Amino acid sequence: MARPKRATEELSDRGKARPERATKELSYGEASSRLEEILQAIEEGQVDIDELSALVKEAADLVMLCRQKIHAAEVQVKTITEQLEREAPDTAGGDEEEEDEDE
């Protein structure tokens, strides 16, 4: 039984594996969206068995890319917050000293 033309057209646009180089240039949002496309195509049975291996490889690359981007963001946020903590005046300690002096 032949698949509807629309599903086949969608598969040609989103179901084919992309080159690895293109995967490295994706933003987190783009990588996440592409993962969703791959999963949906596989779940809906739109992937030809000959393309399945390449799509699974691409999905694995995308997962690794997303993990790297999350880790990099965590490190950056931690660095920024630590820097802000070092640069912030110690207002809590200063207020306590003033109260003690007034008594």
C-alpha atoms as a PDB file:
ATOM      1  CA  MET A   1       0.000   0.000   0.000  1.00  0.00           C
ATOM      2  CA  ALA A   2       1.495   3.345  -1.037  1.00  0.00           C
ATOM      3  CA  ARG A   3       1.908   6.166   1.419  1.00  0.00           C
ATOM      4  CA  PRO A   4       0.079   9.428   0.789  1.00  0.00           C
ATOM      5  CA  LYS A   5       2.047  11.864  -1.319  1.00  0.00           C
ATOM      6  CA  ARG A   6       2.099  14.493   1.430  1.00  0.00           C
ATOM      7  CA  ALA A   7       3.841  12.190   3.906  1.00  0.00           C
ATOM      8  CA  THR A   8       6.426  11.268   1.281  1.00  0.00           C
ATOM      9  CA  GLU A   9       7.069  14.945   0.501  1.00  0.00           C
ATOM     10  CA  GLU A  10       7.465  15.753   4.193  1.00  0.00           C
ATOM     11  CA  LEU A  11       9.865  12.868   4.539  1.00  0.00           C
ATOM     12  CA  SER A  12      11.990  14.206   1.732  1.00  0.00           C
ATOM     13  CA  ASP A  13      12.235  17.558   3.516  1.00  0.00           C
ATOM     14  CA  ARG A  14      12.660  16.465   7.113  1.00  0.00           C
ATOM     15  CA  GLY A  15      13.331  12.747   7.160  1.00  0.00           C
ATOM     16  CA  LYS A  16      16.651  12.680   5.388  1.00  0.00           C
ATOM     17  CA  ALA A  17      19.818  12.837   7.394  1.00  0.00           C
ATOM     18  CA  ARG A  18      21.731  16.087   7.228  1.00  0.00           C
ATOM     19  CA  PRO A  19      25.494  16.280   6.897  1.00  0.00           C
ATOM     20  CA  GLU A  20      27.398  16.299  10.197  1.00  0.00           C
ATOM     21  CA  ARG A  21      28.923  19.696   9.453  1.00  0.00           C
ATOM     22  CA  ALA A  22      25.481  21.282   9.322  1.00  0.00           C
ATOM     23  CA  THR A  23      24.636  19.729  12.694  1.00  0.00           C
ATOM     24  CA  LYS A  24      27.609  21.468  14.352  1.00  0.00           C
ATOM     25  CA  GLU A  25      26.337  24.896  13.232  1.00  0.00           C
ATOM     26  CA  LEU A  26      22.850  24.555  14.717  1.00  0.00           C
ATOM     27  CA  SER A  27      21.571  26.526  17.674  1.00  0.00           C
ATOM     28  CA  TYR A  28      20.084  24.640  20.612  1.00  0.00           C
ATOM     29  CA  GLY A  29      16.564  25.455  19.426  1.00  0.00           C
ATOM     30  CA  GLU A  30      17.289  24.295  15.883  1.00  0.00           C
ATOM     31  CA  ALA A  31      18.890  21.066  17.120  1.00  0.00           C
ATOM     32  CA  SER A  32      15.962  20.400  19.432  1.00  0.00           C
ATOM     33  CA  SER A  33      13.456  21.028  16.629  1.00  0.00           C
ATOM     34  CA  ARG A  34      15.349  18.723  14.289  1.00  0.00           C
ATOM     35  CA  LEU A  35      15.336  15.999  16.943  1.00  0.00           C
ATOM     36  CA  GLU A  36      11.558  16.384  17.216  1.00  0.00           C
ATOM     37  CA  GLU A  37      11.247  16.059  13.420  1.00  0.00           C
ATOM     38  CA  ILE A  38      13.352  12.906  13.351  1.00  0.00           C
ATOM     39  CA  LEU A  39      11.441  11.305  16.218  1.00  0.00           C
ATOM     40  CA  GLN A  40       8.088  12.152  14.677  1.00  0.00           C
ATOM     41  CA  ALA A  41       9.110  10.754  11.289  1.00  0.00           C
ATOM     42  CA  ILE A  42      10.323   7.518  12.893  1.00  0.00           C
ATOM     43  CA  GLU A  43       7.237   7.162  15.115  1.00  0.00           C
ATOM     44  CA  GLU A  44       4.907   7.741  12.178  1.00  0.00           C
ATOM     45  CA  GLY A  45       6.708   5.128  10.104  1.00  0.00           C
ATOM     46  CA  GLN A  46       7.762   7.652   7.479  1.00  0.00           C
ATOM     47  CA  VAL A  47      11.395   6.583   7.484  1.00  0.00           C
ATOM     48  CA  ASP A  48      12.632   4.116   4.930  1.00  0.00           C
ATOM     49  CA  ILE A  49      14.722   1.372   6.500  1.00  0.00           C
ATOM     50  CA  ASP A  50      17.663   2.458   4.342  1.00  0.00           C
ATOM     51  CA  GLU A  51      17.558   5.943   5.904  1.00  0.00           C
ATOM     52  CA  LEU A  52      16.923   4.824   9.471  1.00  0.00           C
ATOM     53  CA  SER A  53      20.573   4.284  10.385  1.00  0.00           C
ATOM     54  CA  ALA A  54      21.604   7.729   9.140  1.00  0.00           C
ATOM     55  CA  LEU A  55      18.734   9.368  11.010  1.00  0.00           C
ATOM     56  CA  VAL A  56      19.608   7.577  14.246  1.00  0.00           C
ATOM     57  CA  LYS A  57      23.235   8.745  13.840  1.00  0.00           C
ATOM     58  CA  GLU A  58      22.066  12.313  13.220  1.00  0.00           C
ATOM     59  CA  ALA A  59      19.780  12.153  16.257  1.00  0.00           C
ATOM     60  CA  ALA A  60      22.675  10.940  18.424  1.00  0.00           C
ATOM     61  CA  ASP A  61      24.837  13.806  17.144  1.00  0.00           C
ATOM     62  CA  LEU A  62      22.047  16.267  17.910  1.00  0.00           C
ATOM     63  CA  VAL A  63      21.640  14.916  21.449  1.00  0.00           C
ATOM     64  CA  MET A  64      25.382  15.311  22.049  1.00  0.00           C
ATOM     65  CA  LEU A  65      25.289  18.847  20.628  1.00  0.00           C
ATOM     66  CA  CYS A  66      22.375  19.786  22.901  1.00  0.00           C
ATOM     67  CA  ARG A  67      24.171  18.352  25.939  1.00  0.00           C
ATOM     68  CA  GLN A  68      27.314  20.330  25.067  1.00  0.00           C
ATOM     69  CA  LYS A  69      25.314  23.538  24.690  1.00  0.00           C
ATOM     70  CA  ILE A  70      23.534  22.957  28.013  1.00  0.00           C
ATOM     71  CA  HIS A  71      26.852  22.299  29.756  1.00  0.00           C
ATOM     72  CA  ALA A  72      28.425  25.408  28.206  1.00  0.00           C
ATOM     73  CA  ALA A  73      25.451  27.510  29.310  1.00  0.00           C
ATOM     74  CA  GLU A  74      25.658  26.106  32.857  1.00  0.00           C
ATOM     75  CA  VAL A  75      29.363  26.949  33.063  1.00  0.00           C
ATOM     76  CA  GLN A  76      28.757  30.437  31.716  1.00  0.00           C
ATOM     77  CA  VAL A  77      25.898  31.119  34.152  1.00  0.00           C
ATOM     78  CA  LYS A  78      27.975  29.811  37.062  1.00  0.00           C
ATOM     79  CA  THR A  79      30.930  31.991  36.055  1.00  0.00           C
ATOM     80  CA  ILE A  80      28.741  35.083  35.763  1.00  0.00           C
ATOM     81  CA  THR A  81      26.974  34.518  39.071  1.00  0.00           C
ATOM     82  CA  GLU A  82      30.280  33.899  40.865  1.00  0.00           C
ATOM     83  CA  GLN A  83      31.674  37.085  39.355  1.00  0.00           C
ATOM     84  CA  LEU A  84      28.598  39.037  40.464  1.00  0.00           C
ATOM     85  CA  GLU A  85      28.890  37.639  43.983  1.00  0.00           C
ATOM     86  CA  ARG A  86      32.556  38.703  44.198  1.00  0.00           C
ATOM     87  CA  GLU A  87      31.795  42.196  42.885  1.00  0.00           C
ATOM     88  CA  ALA A  88      28.666  42.812  44.962  1.00  0.00           C
ATOM     89  CA  PRO A  89      29.169  44.885  48.096  1.00  0.00           C
ATOM     90  CA  ASP A  90      28.609  42.961  51.298  1.00  0.00           C
ATOM     91  CA  THR A  91      25.449  44.809  52.316  1.00  0.00           C
ATOM     92  CA  ALA A  92      24.280  42.190  54.786  1.00  0.00           C
ATOM     93  CA  GLY A  93      27.469  42.389  56.823  1.00  0.00           C
ATOM     94  CA  GLY A  94      27.525  46.195  56.717  1.00  0.00           C
ATOM     95  CA  ASP A  95      23.954  46.531  58.015  1.00  0.00           C
ATOM     96  CA  GLU A  96      24.613  44.283  60.987  1.00  0.00           C
ATOM     97  CA  GLU A  97      27.678  46.270  62.018  1.00  0.00           C
ATOM     98  CA  GLU A  98      25.761  49.567  61.888  1.00  0.00           C
ATOM     99  CA  GLU A  99      22.995  48.158  64.086  1.00  0.00           C
ATOM    100  CA  ASP A 100      25.526  46.917  66.645  1.00  0.00           C
ATOM    101  CA  GLU A 101      27.237  50.326  66.789  1.00  0.00           C
ATOM    102  CA  ASP A 102      23.927  52.145  67.428  1.00  0.00           C
ATOM    103  CA  GLU A 103      23.094  50.056  70.492  1.00  0.00           C
END
